[in-house]
N, C-alpha and C. Protein backbone atom coordinates (compact mmCIF):
# COMPACT_ATOMS: atom_id res chain seq x y z
N MET A 1 127.33 93.02 82.02
CA MET A 1 126.20 92.93 82.91
C MET A 1 125.52 94.30 82.97
N LEU A 2 124.23 94.30 82.86
CA LEU A 2 123.47 95.53 82.96
C LEU A 2 123.33 95.97 84.41
N GLU A 3 123.50 97.23 84.63
CA GLU A 3 123.37 97.74 85.99
C GLU A 3 122.29 98.81 86.03
N THR A 4 121.07 98.40 85.77
CA THR A 4 119.96 99.34 85.85
C THR A 4 119.36 99.26 87.23
N PRO A 5 119.03 100.40 87.80
CA PRO A 5 118.44 100.37 89.14
C PRO A 5 117.03 99.76 89.10
N ILE A 6 116.70 99.06 90.15
CA ILE A 6 115.36 98.49 90.28
C ILE A 6 114.58 99.37 91.23
N HIS A 7 113.52 99.94 90.74
CA HIS A 7 112.66 100.81 91.55
C HIS A 7 111.52 99.99 92.14
N PRO A 8 111.04 100.37 93.32
CA PRO A 8 109.91 99.65 93.92
C PRO A 8 108.70 99.56 93.00
N ARG A 9 108.49 100.58 92.18
CA ARG A 9 107.33 100.57 91.28
C ARG A 9 107.47 99.49 90.20
N ASP A 10 108.68 98.98 90.00
CA ASP A 10 108.92 97.96 88.99
C ASP A 10 108.80 96.54 89.53
N LEU A 11 108.73 96.40 90.83
CA LEU A 11 108.64 95.07 91.44
C LEU A 11 107.23 94.51 91.27
N PRO A 12 107.11 93.20 91.14
CA PRO A 12 105.78 92.62 90.99
C PRO A 12 104.98 92.71 92.29
N LEU A 13 103.68 92.72 92.16
CA LEU A 13 102.80 92.66 93.32
C LEU A 13 102.47 91.19 93.58
N PHE A 14 102.64 90.77 94.81
CA PHE A 14 102.36 89.39 95.17
C PHE A 14 100.94 89.27 95.72
N SER A 15 100.50 88.05 95.93
CA SER A 15 99.11 87.84 96.37
C SER A 15 98.82 88.52 97.71
N ASP A 16 99.79 88.54 98.62
CA ASP A 16 99.60 89.24 99.89
C ASP A 16 99.39 90.73 99.67
N ASP A 17 100.17 91.30 98.76
CA ASP A 17 100.02 92.72 98.42
C ASP A 17 98.63 92.98 97.85
N LEU A 18 98.23 92.14 96.91
CA LEU A 18 96.93 92.33 96.26
C LEU A 18 95.78 92.17 97.24
N ASP A 19 95.92 91.26 98.19
CA ASP A 19 94.88 91.10 99.22
C ASP A 19 94.73 92.37 100.04
N ARG A 20 95.84 92.95 100.43
CA ARG A 20 95.82 94.20 101.21
C ARG A 20 95.18 95.33 100.41
N LEU A 21 95.58 95.46 99.16
CA LEU A 21 95.07 96.53 98.32
C LEU A 21 93.59 96.35 98.03
N GLU A 22 93.17 95.11 97.88
CA GLU A 22 91.75 94.83 97.64
C GLU A 22 90.91 95.23 98.85
N LYS A 23 91.41 94.99 100.04
CA LYS A 23 90.69 95.39 101.26
C LYS A 23 90.54 96.91 101.32
N VAL A 24 91.59 97.63 100.98
CA VAL A 24 91.52 99.10 100.95
C VAL A 24 90.49 99.55 99.92
N LEU A 25 90.57 98.97 98.74
CA LEU A 25 89.62 99.30 97.68
C LEU A 25 88.18 99.01 98.10
N ASP A 26 87.95 97.83 98.65
CA ASP A 26 86.60 97.45 99.08
C ASP A 26 86.07 98.38 100.16
N THR A 27 86.92 98.79 101.07
CA THR A 27 86.51 99.69 102.15
C THR A 27 86.03 101.03 101.59
N ILE A 28 86.82 101.59 100.70
CA ILE A 28 86.45 102.89 100.12
C ILE A 28 85.21 102.77 99.25
N CYS A 29 85.14 101.72 98.47
CA CYS A 29 83.95 101.52 97.63
C CYS A 29 82.69 101.37 98.48
N ARG A 30 82.79 100.61 99.55
CA ARG A 30 81.63 100.43 100.44
C ARG A 30 81.24 101.76 101.07
N ASP A 31 82.23 102.51 101.57
CA ASP A 31 81.94 103.79 102.23
C ASP A 31 81.34 104.82 101.28
N ARG A 32 81.73 104.77 100.03
CA ARG A 32 81.28 105.78 99.06
C ARG A 32 80.18 105.28 98.14
N GLY A 33 79.76 104.04 98.31
CA GLY A 33 78.70 103.50 97.47
C GLY A 33 79.13 103.30 96.02
N ILE A 34 80.37 102.92 95.83
CA ILE A 34 80.91 102.71 94.48
C ILE A 34 80.80 101.23 94.13
N ASP A 35 80.29 100.95 92.93
CA ASP A 35 80.21 99.57 92.44
C ASP A 35 81.61 99.05 92.22
N THR A 36 81.98 97.95 92.85
CA THR A 36 83.34 97.43 92.76
C THR A 36 83.69 96.91 91.37
N ARG A 37 82.69 96.77 90.50
CA ARG A 37 82.97 96.30 89.14
C ARG A 37 82.93 97.43 88.12
N GLY A 38 82.74 98.65 88.59
CA GLY A 38 82.59 99.78 87.68
C GLY A 38 83.89 100.52 87.38
N LEU A 39 83.76 101.50 86.50
CA LEU A 39 84.92 102.29 86.07
C LEU A 39 85.52 103.09 87.22
N GLN A 40 84.68 103.62 88.11
CA GLN A 40 85.21 104.39 89.26
C GLN A 40 86.09 103.51 90.13
N ALA A 41 85.64 102.28 90.38
CA ALA A 41 86.44 101.37 91.20
C ALA A 41 87.74 101.00 90.50
N GLU A 42 87.69 100.87 89.19
CA GLU A 42 88.90 100.56 88.43
C GLU A 42 89.92 101.69 88.56
N ARG A 43 89.46 102.91 88.44
CA ARG A 43 90.35 104.07 88.58
C ARG A 43 90.88 104.18 90.01
N LEU A 44 90.01 103.94 90.97
CA LEU A 44 90.42 103.98 92.37
C LEU A 44 91.46 102.90 92.65
N GLY A 45 91.24 101.71 92.12
CA GLY A 45 92.20 100.61 92.28
C GLY A 45 93.55 100.96 91.70
N ALA A 46 93.57 101.59 90.53
CA ALA A 46 94.82 102.00 89.91
C ALA A 46 95.54 103.02 90.79
N LEU A 47 94.79 103.93 91.37
CA LEU A 47 95.38 104.93 92.27
C LEU A 47 95.99 104.26 93.50
N ILE A 48 95.28 103.33 94.08
CA ILE A 48 95.77 102.63 95.28
C ILE A 48 97.05 101.86 94.95
N ILE A 49 97.09 101.20 93.80
CA ILE A 49 98.29 100.49 93.39
C ILE A 49 99.45 101.46 93.19
N GLN A 50 99.17 102.58 92.57
CA GLN A 50 100.21 103.59 92.34
C GLN A 50 100.78 104.09 93.67
N LEU A 51 99.91 104.39 94.62
CA LEU A 51 100.37 104.84 95.94
C LEU A 51 101.22 103.77 96.62
N TYR A 52 100.77 102.53 96.54
CA TYR A 52 101.48 101.41 97.15
C TYR A 52 102.88 101.26 96.53
N ARG A 53 102.96 101.37 95.23
CA ARG A 53 104.24 101.23 94.54
C ARG A 53 105.17 102.41 94.80
N GLN A 54 104.59 103.53 95.21
CA GLN A 54 105.40 104.69 95.56
C GLN A 54 105.89 104.63 96.99
N GLY A 55 105.50 103.58 97.69
CA GLY A 55 106.04 103.37 99.03
C GLY A 55 105.06 103.51 100.17
N VAL A 56 103.79 103.78 99.88
CA VAL A 56 102.79 103.89 100.95
C VAL A 56 102.34 102.47 101.26
N LYS A 57 102.86 101.91 102.34
CA LYS A 57 102.58 100.51 102.69
C LYS A 57 101.60 100.36 103.85
N ASP A 58 101.37 101.42 104.59
CA ASP A 58 100.46 101.38 105.74
C ASP A 58 99.01 101.48 105.25
N ASP A 59 98.17 100.54 105.67
CA ASP A 59 96.77 100.51 105.21
C ASP A 59 96.02 101.79 105.54
N ALA A 60 96.23 102.31 106.74
CA ALA A 60 95.53 103.54 107.14
C ALA A 60 95.94 104.72 106.27
N LYS A 61 97.22 104.78 105.95
CA LYS A 61 97.70 105.86 105.08
C LYS A 61 97.18 105.70 103.66
N LEU A 62 97.14 104.45 103.18
CA LEU A 62 96.57 104.21 101.86
C LEU A 62 95.11 104.65 101.81
N LEU A 63 94.35 104.29 102.84
CA LEU A 63 92.94 104.71 102.90
C LEU A 63 92.82 106.23 102.89
N ALA A 64 93.60 106.88 103.73
CA ALA A 64 93.51 108.34 103.83
C ALA A 64 93.89 109.03 102.52
N LEU A 65 94.97 108.59 101.92
CA LEU A 65 95.42 109.22 100.68
C LEU A 65 94.46 108.94 99.53
N ALA A 66 93.99 107.71 99.42
CA ALA A 66 93.07 107.37 98.34
C ALA A 66 91.76 108.14 98.50
N ARG A 67 91.30 108.30 99.72
CA ARG A 67 90.08 109.08 99.97
C ARG A 67 90.30 110.55 99.62
N ALA A 68 91.48 111.06 99.89
CA ALA A 68 91.78 112.46 99.60
C ALA A 68 91.84 112.74 98.10
N TYR A 69 92.38 111.79 97.35
CA TYR A 69 92.53 111.98 95.92
C TYR A 69 91.26 111.63 95.15
N PHE A 70 90.45 110.76 95.71
CA PHE A 70 89.31 110.26 94.95
C PHE A 70 88.00 110.72 95.57
C-alpha cells in the first residue's frame, strides 16, 4: 500500500468551493475594472485558487491577499 501524504493543494475543488472563489474573483474584477473573460482575470483566478489551496479559506482574507498581490 502506498503511503503518500495528501496535501490540501492536491484535493479537488468542489462546486461550493468554486462558487466562493468566483465571488471573490468577481468582486476584485468589478472593483478594479478587470474584464472577467480576460487574461488578467485568468491570472487573478489562478492566484485566488492557489491561496485557497494553501489554506486561506476566509473570503475576507482571500480578498485582502489577492488585492495585495494583484
